[in-house]
Protein backbone atom coordinates (compact mmCIF):
# COMPACT_ATOMS: atom_id res chain seq x y z
CA MET A 1 24.95 24.82 -42.86
CA ASN A 2 26.47 21.39 -42.34
CA SER A 3 26.96 20.69 -38.63
CA ASN A 4 29.50 17.95 -39.33
CA LEU A 5 33.02 19.25 -38.92
CA GLU A 6 36.10 17.15 -38.90
CA THR A 7 39.74 18.11 -38.95
CA PHE A 8 42.37 15.43 -38.64
CA VAL A 9 45.90 16.46 -37.88
CA PRO A 10 47.71 13.71 -35.90
CA MET A 11 49.46 15.87 -33.32
CA ALA A 12 48.78 14.51 -29.85
CA ASP A 13 51.92 14.28 -27.76
CA GLN A 14 54.21 13.91 -30.73
CA PRO A 15 57.74 15.25 -30.56
CA GLU A 16 58.65 18.20 -32.72
CA ARG A 17 59.58 16.88 -36.15
CA ARG A 18 62.06 18.69 -38.32
CA VAL A 19 63.11 17.91 -41.83
CA VAL A 20 66.68 19.16 -42.23
CA LEU A 21 68.17 19.65 -45.67
CA GLN A 22 71.94 19.80 -45.97
CA ILE A 23 74.34 21.03 -48.63
CA ASP A 24 77.98 20.04 -48.18
CA GLY A 25 77.29 18.99 -44.59
CA THR A 26 75.79 22.37 -43.65
CA ASP A 27 72.18 22.64 -42.47
CA VAL A 28 70.34 24.82 -44.96
CA VAL A 29 66.72 24.61 -43.86
CA ALA A 30 64.95 22.87 -41.02
CA HIS A 31 61.23 22.61 -41.67
CA SER A 32 59.28 21.98 -38.51
CA THR A 33 56.56 19.76 -39.92
CA THR A 34 54.78 19.64 -36.57
CA PHE A 35 54.67 23.43 -36.34
CA LEU A 36 53.54 23.79 -39.97
CA ALA A 37 50.74 21.24 -39.52
CA GLU A 38 49.45 23.04 -36.43
CA LEU A 39 49.70 26.40 -38.17
CA ALA A 40 47.66 25.03 -41.09
CA ARG A 41 45.03 23.69 -38.70
CA ALA A 42 44.85 27.05 -36.92
CA PHE A 43 44.32 28.95 -40.17
CA TYR A 44 41.67 26.44 -41.23
CA TRP A 45 39.83 27.04 -37.96
CA ARG A 46 40.26 30.81 -38.35
CA GLY A 47 38.61 30.50 -41.76
CA LEU A 48 35.68 28.63 -40.22
CA LEU A 49 35.26 31.42 -37.67
CA ASP A 50 35.62 34.19 -40.27
CA THR A 51 33.01 32.66 -42.60
CA GLY A 52 30.56 31.95 -39.79
CA ALA A 53 30.71 28.17 -40.26
CA VAL A 54 31.27 28.01 -36.49
CA LYS A 55 30.53 30.67 -33.90
CA SER A 56 33.46 30.26 -31.53
CA GLY A 57 36.52 28.32 -30.54
CA VAL A 58 34.29 26.43 -28.12
CA ASP A 59 32.19 25.21 -31.07
CA ILE A 60 35.35 23.99 -32.78
CA ALA A 61 36.51 22.27 -29.60
CA ILE A 62 33.19 20.46 -29.19
CA LYS A 63 33.09 19.33 -32.82
CA GLU A 64 36.75 18.28 -32.80
CA GLY A 65 36.62 16.55 -29.40
CA LEU A 66 39.21 18.93 -27.94
CA THR A 67 39.23 21.34 -25.03
CA HIS A 68 38.68 25.00 -25.79
CA PRO A 69 42.10 26.02 -24.34
CA VAL A 70 43.78 23.73 -26.90
CA VAL A 71 41.80 25.30 -29.73
CA ASN A 72 42.43 28.83 -28.47
CA ALA A 73 46.17 28.21 -28.10
CA SER A 74 46.29 27.01 -31.71
CA LEU A 75 44.21 29.92 -32.96
CA ARG A 76 46.72 32.35 -31.43
CA LEU A 77 49.23 31.11 -34.02
CA THR A 78 47.22 33.00 -36.66
CA LEU A 79 48.39 36.21 -34.97
CA LEU A 80 52.03 35.57 -35.87
CA ALA A 81 53.66 38.20 -38.06
CA PRO A 82 53.69 37.26 -41.76
CA ASP A 83 57.50 37.29 -41.90
CA ILE A 84 57.67 34.85 -38.97
CA ILE A 85 55.25 32.54 -40.75
CA ASP A 86 57.38 32.94 -43.88
CA GLN A 87 60.45 31.84 -41.90
CA LEU A 88 58.56 28.71 -40.82
CA MET A 89 57.45 28.00 -44.37
CA ARG A 90 61.00 28.37 -45.67
CA GLY A 91 62.48 26.42 -42.75
CA THR A 92 64.74 29.29 -41.74
CA GLN A 93 63.27 29.95 -38.30
CA PRO A 94 65.65 29.96 -35.32
CA ARG A 95 66.52 26.40 -34.36
CA ARG A 96 65.12 26.76 -30.83
CA MET A 97 61.80 28.20 -31.99
CA ASN A 98 59.27 25.40 -31.58
CA LEU A 99 55.56 24.77 -31.46
CA LYS A 100 55.52 23.63 -27.85
CA TRP A 101 56.76 27.02 -26.66
CA PHE A 102 54.11 28.90 -28.66
CA LEU A 103 51.28 26.68 -27.42
CA ARG A 104 52.34 26.98 -23.77
CA HIS A 105 53.28 30.67 -23.59
CA HIS A 106 51.50 33.86 -24.45
CA PHE A 107 53.21 35.97 -27.05
CA PRO A 108 52.51 39.57 -28.00
CA ALA A 109 50.06 40.40 -30.77
CA ASP A 110 52.32 43.27 -31.84
CA TRP A 111 54.42 42.07 -34.76
CA GLN A 112 57.53 44.06 -33.85
CA ALA A 113 57.42 42.68 -30.30
CA GLN A 114 57.11 39.19 -31.82
CA ARG A 115 60.20 39.78 -33.93
CA GLU A 116 62.14 40.84 -30.84
CA LEU A 117 60.93 37.73 -29.02
CA ILE A 118 61.94 35.50 -31.95
CA ALA A 119 65.40 37.09 -31.97
CA ASN A 120 65.88 35.62 -28.47
CA PHE A 121 65.37 32.07 -29.79
CA LYS A 122 68.66 32.11 -31.72
């Protein structure tokens, strides 16, 4: 097993970035590139945990030079309901739904409860 682990996603203290596509002056999709990058990083880390490449979020934090609460907050994103992730991927998530909120607040693991929470972001 290779003990060298490196993930580079330039995220530190960056504002939420959205790429908005318009048709006839109407917003069609708003991809949150910041949210998508963090989601990708979280699933990468989840894969490392699932395959045994690392033993815990603390191991990831040490190897990445982060604190374990930062890693754990990101890993919680892998608990999002597939349809919510699909909304993010398509750029059709509620406009007020952002990464900062998900990293700073606990959200339910139950997918239906997540959907009800997301409905409040509109």
